[in-house]
Amino acid sequence: MNKTRIIGAVLLALGICAQFFIESNYAWIFGFAVGLGIALVITGRFRKKAG
């Protein structure tokens, strides 16, 4: 597992836990973190390879 996937897994876990434990008007931030976490876990990289 590379660093990018680990960062994605952490974002995913934090986003899910924060939605349950923190009552806030900024719930969209947690949703963004979950979405970004899923994308990073699946792709495993930040940008496309050239070529």
Protein backbone atom coordinates (compact mmCIF):
# COMPACT_ATOMS: atom_id res chain seq x y z
CA MET A 1 0.00 0.00 0.00
CA ASN A 2 1.54 3.30 -1.05
CA LYS A 3 1.34 6.63 0.75
CA THR A 4 -1.44 7.95 -1.46
CA ARG A 5 -3.76 5.06 -0.62
CA ILE A 6 -2.98 5.41 3.07
CA ILE A 7 -3.87 9.13 2.91
CA GLY A 8 -7.09 8.19 1.13
CA ALA A 9 -7.98 5.62 3.76
CA VAL A 10 -7.33 8.13 6.55
CA LEU A 11 -9.48 10.77 4.84
CA LEU A 12 -12.23 8.23 4.34
CA ALA A 13 -12.18 7.11 7.97
CA LEU A 14 -12.01 10.66 9.36
CA GLY A 15 -14.80 11.87 7.11
CA ILE A 16 -17.11 9.03 8.12
CA CYS A 17 -16.37 9.32 11.83
CA ALA A 18 -16.67 13.11 11.82
CA GLN A 19 -20.14 12.95 10.27
CA PHE A 20 -21.38 10.88 13.20
CA PHE A 21 -19.64 12.65 16.07
CA ILE A 22 -19.53 16.31 15.04
CA GLU A 23 -22.73 18.26 14.56
CA SER A 24 -21.85 21.13 12.30
CA ASN A 25 -23.07 23.38 9.52
CA TYR A 26 -19.97 22.37 7.56
CA ALA A 27 -21.03 18.79 6.80
CA TRP A 28 -20.07 19.30 3.15
CA ILE A 29 -16.40 19.31 4.21
CA PHE A 30 -16.79 15.82 5.63
CA GLY A 31 -18.56 14.70 2.47
CA PHE A 32 -15.72 16.12 0.39
CA ALA A 33 -13.19 14.26 2.55
CA VAL A 34 -15.08 10.99 2.06
CA GLY A 35 -15.27 11.50 -1.70
CA LEU A 36 -11.60 12.40 -1.97
CA GLY A 37 -10.68 9.44 0.23
CA ILE A 38 -12.61 7.03 -1.98
CA ALA A 39 -10.98 8.44 -5.11
CA LEU A 40 -7.47 8.16 -3.65
CA VAL A 41 -8.00 4.62 -2.38
CA ILE A 42 -9.28 3.46 -5.75
CA THR A 43 -6.79 5.23 -8.02
CA GLY A 44 -3.74 5.27 -5.76
CA ARG A 45 -2.24 8.39 -7.33
CA PHE A 46 -2.68 12.14 -7.42
CA ARG A 47 -2.28 12.85 -11.14
CA LYS A 48 -2.41 11.04 -14.44
CA LYS A 49 0.75 9.59 -15.90
CA ALA A 50 2.08 11.34 -18.99
CA GLY A 51 1.91 9.44 -22.23
